[in-house]
Amino acid sequence: MDIKTPDQKIDITNDVCPMTFVRTRLKLETMTKGQVLEVTLGAGEPLKNVPRSVTEMGDDVIELVEIAEIPGTFRLTIRKG
């Protein structure tokens, strides 16, 4: 899958739910349709809840992969819908 360079990036690895989704949502609200946001997040609740919530709000999850150099940390790529 061709993934363009993200327009914005945020790191929510030090945040806990529900702030993980709140910070992601606030960042997406500053972006225009079609732009790409890269979110760095940890395992557990954020990994389960953020992708689901983003999809429910009408945005597209493009990719979700574990960052090989940092086990337990993931990169979520979202296209604003």
C-alpha atoms as a PDB file:
ATOM      1  CA  MET A   1       0.000   0.000   0.000  1.00  0.00           C
ATOM      2  CA  ASP A   2       1.337   3.411  -0.930  1.00  0.00           C
ATOM      3  CA  ILE A   3       1.385   5.646   2.124  1.00  0.00           C
ATOM      4  CA  LYS A   4       2.333   9.253   1.614  1.00  0.00           C
ATOM      5  CA  THR A   5       4.480  11.202   4.032  1.00  0.00           C
ATOM      6  CA  PRO A   6       2.267  12.268   6.939  1.00  0.00           C
ATOM      7  CA  ASP A   7       1.124  15.883   7.075  1.00  0.00           C
ATOM      8  CA  GLN A   8       1.190  15.847  10.886  1.00  0.00           C
ATOM      9  CA  LYS A   9       2.601  13.606  13.628  1.00  0.00           C
ATOM     10  CA  ILE A  10       1.774  13.191  17.298  1.00  0.00           C
ATOM     11  CA  ASP A  11       3.171  10.957  20.022  1.00  0.00           C
ATOM     12  CA  ILE A  12       0.630   9.778  22.600  1.00  0.00           C
ATOM     13  CA  THR A  13       2.742   7.029  24.171  1.00  0.00           C
ATOM     14  CA  ASN A  14       2.842   8.859  27.520  1.00  0.00           C
ATOM     15  CA  ASP A  15      -0.918   9.549  27.600  1.00  0.00           C
ATOM     16  CA  VAL A  16      -3.650   7.343  29.066  1.00  0.00           C
ATOM     17  CA  CYS A  17      -7.212   6.785  27.894  1.00  0.00           C
ATOM     18  CA  PRO A  18      -9.298   8.787  27.248  1.00  0.00           C
ATOM     19  CA  MET A  19      -6.612  11.428  26.560  1.00  0.00           C
ATOM     20  CA  THR A  20      -5.087   9.248  23.838  1.00  0.00           C
ATOM     21  CA  PHE A  21      -8.191   9.587  21.702  1.00  0.00           C
ATOM     22  CA  VAL A  22      -8.849  13.202  22.748  1.00  0.00           C
ATOM     23  CA  ARG A  23      -5.388  14.311  21.602  1.00  0.00           C
ATOM     24  CA  THR A  24      -5.757  12.357  18.341  1.00  0.00           C
ATOM     25  CA  ARG A  25      -9.211  13.850  17.681  1.00  0.00           C
ATOM     26  CA  LEU A  26      -8.050  17.409  18.439  1.00  0.00           C
ATOM     27  CA  LYS A  27      -5.130  17.037  16.018  1.00  0.00           C
ATOM     28  CA  LEU A  28      -7.404  15.625  13.293  1.00  0.00           C
ATOM     29  CA  GLU A  29      -9.786  18.566  13.745  1.00  0.00           C
ATOM     30  CA  THR A  30      -6.969  20.952  12.746  1.00  0.00           C
ATOM     31  CA  MET A  31      -6.399  19.047   9.504  1.00  0.00           C
ATOM     32  CA  THR A  32      -8.210  19.108   6.166  1.00  0.00           C
ATOM     33  CA  LYS A  33      -9.897  16.181   4.430  1.00  0.00           C
ATOM     34  CA  GLY A  34      -7.390  13.818   2.826  1.00  0.00           C
ATOM     35  CA  GLN A  35      -4.452  14.836   5.010  1.00  0.00           C
ATOM     36  CA  VAL A  36      -2.523  12.092   6.793  1.00  0.00           C
ATOM     37  CA  LEU A  37      -1.771  11.926  10.530  1.00  0.00           C
ATOM     38  CA  GLU A  38       0.841   9.604  12.002  1.00  0.00           C
ATOM     39  CA  VAL A  39       0.197   8.683  15.645  1.00  0.00           C
ATOM     40  CA  THR A  40       2.739   6.910  17.840  1.00  0.00           C
ATOM     41  CA  LEU A  41       0.962   4.966  20.576  1.00  0.00           C
ATOM     42  CA  GLY A  42       1.527   2.223  23.100  1.00  0.00           C
ATOM     43  CA  ALA A  43      -0.014  -1.212  23.489  1.00  0.00           C
ATOM     44  CA  GLY A  44      -3.108  -1.941  25.581  1.00  0.00           C
ATOM     45  CA  GLU A  45      -6.127   0.353  25.672  1.00  0.00           C
ATOM     46  CA  PRO A  46      -4.766   2.980  23.237  1.00  0.00           C
ATOM     47  CA  LEU A  47      -3.966   0.302  20.654  1.00  0.00           C
ATOM     48  CA  LYS A  48      -7.484  -1.089  20.934  1.00  0.00           C
ATOM     49  CA  ASN A  49      -9.484   2.125  21.369  1.00  0.00           C
ATOM     50  CA  VAL A  50      -7.845   4.804  19.206  1.00  0.00           C
ATOM     51  CA  PRO A  51      -8.113   3.003  15.818  1.00  0.00           C
ATOM     52  CA  ARG A  52     -11.711   1.967  16.563  1.00  0.00           C
ATOM     53  CA  SER A  53     -12.729   5.472  17.668  1.00  0.00           C
ATOM     54  CA  VAL A  54     -11.050   7.115  14.677  1.00  0.00           C
ATOM     55  CA  THR A  55     -12.956   4.830  12.305  1.00  0.00           C
ATOM     56  CA  GLU A  56     -16.247   5.488  14.143  1.00  0.00           C
ATOM     57  CA  MET A  57     -15.668   9.247  13.696  1.00  0.00           C
ATOM     58  CA  GLY A  58     -15.381   8.809   9.906  1.00  0.00           C
ATOM     59  CA  ASP A  59     -11.621   8.819   9.359  1.00  0.00           C
ATOM     60  CA  ASP A  60      -9.659   6.001   7.698  1.00  0.00           C
ATOM     61  CA  VAL A  61      -7.010   3.844   9.332  1.00  0.00           C
ATOM     62  CA  ILE A  62      -4.421   3.349   6.603  1.00  0.00           C
ATOM     63  CA  GLU A  63      -1.881   1.328   8.540  1.00  0.00           C
ATOM     64  CA  LEU A  64      -1.162   0.063  12.048  1.00  0.00           C
ATOM     65  CA  VAL A  65       2.284  -1.457  12.583  1.00  0.00           C
ATOM     66  CA  GLU A  66       4.550  -2.153  15.514  1.00  0.00           C
ATOM     67  CA  ILE A  67       7.734  -0.095  15.503  1.00  0.00           C
ATOM     68  CA  ALA A  68      10.461  -2.740  15.351  1.00  0.00           C
ATOM     69  CA  GLU A  69      13.019  -0.653  17.240  1.00  0.00           C
ATOM     70  CA  ILE A  70      10.607   0.011  20.132  1.00  0.00           C
ATOM     71  CA  PRO A  71       8.684  -3.178  21.041  1.00  0.00           C
ATOM     72  CA  GLY A  72       5.208  -2.449  22.413  1.00  0.00           C
ATOM     73  CA  THR A  73       5.015   0.844  20.513  1.00  0.00           C
ATOM     74  CA  PHE A  74       2.934   1.233  17.371  1.00  0.00           C
ATOM     75  CA  ARG A  75       2.561   3.629  14.450  1.00  0.00           C
ATOM     76  CA  LEU A  76      -1.020   4.360  13.432  1.00  0.00           C
ATOM     77  CA  THR A  77      -1.496   6.147  10.110  1.00  0.00           C
ATOM     78  CA  ILE A  78      -4.837   7.892   9.627  1.00  0.00           C
ATOM     79  CA  ARG A  79      -6.319   9.689   6.603  1.00  0.00           C
ATOM     80  CA  LYS A  80      -8.789  12.398   7.594  1.00  0.00           C
ATOM     81  CA  GLY A  81     -12.183  11.636   6.098  1.00  0.00           C
END
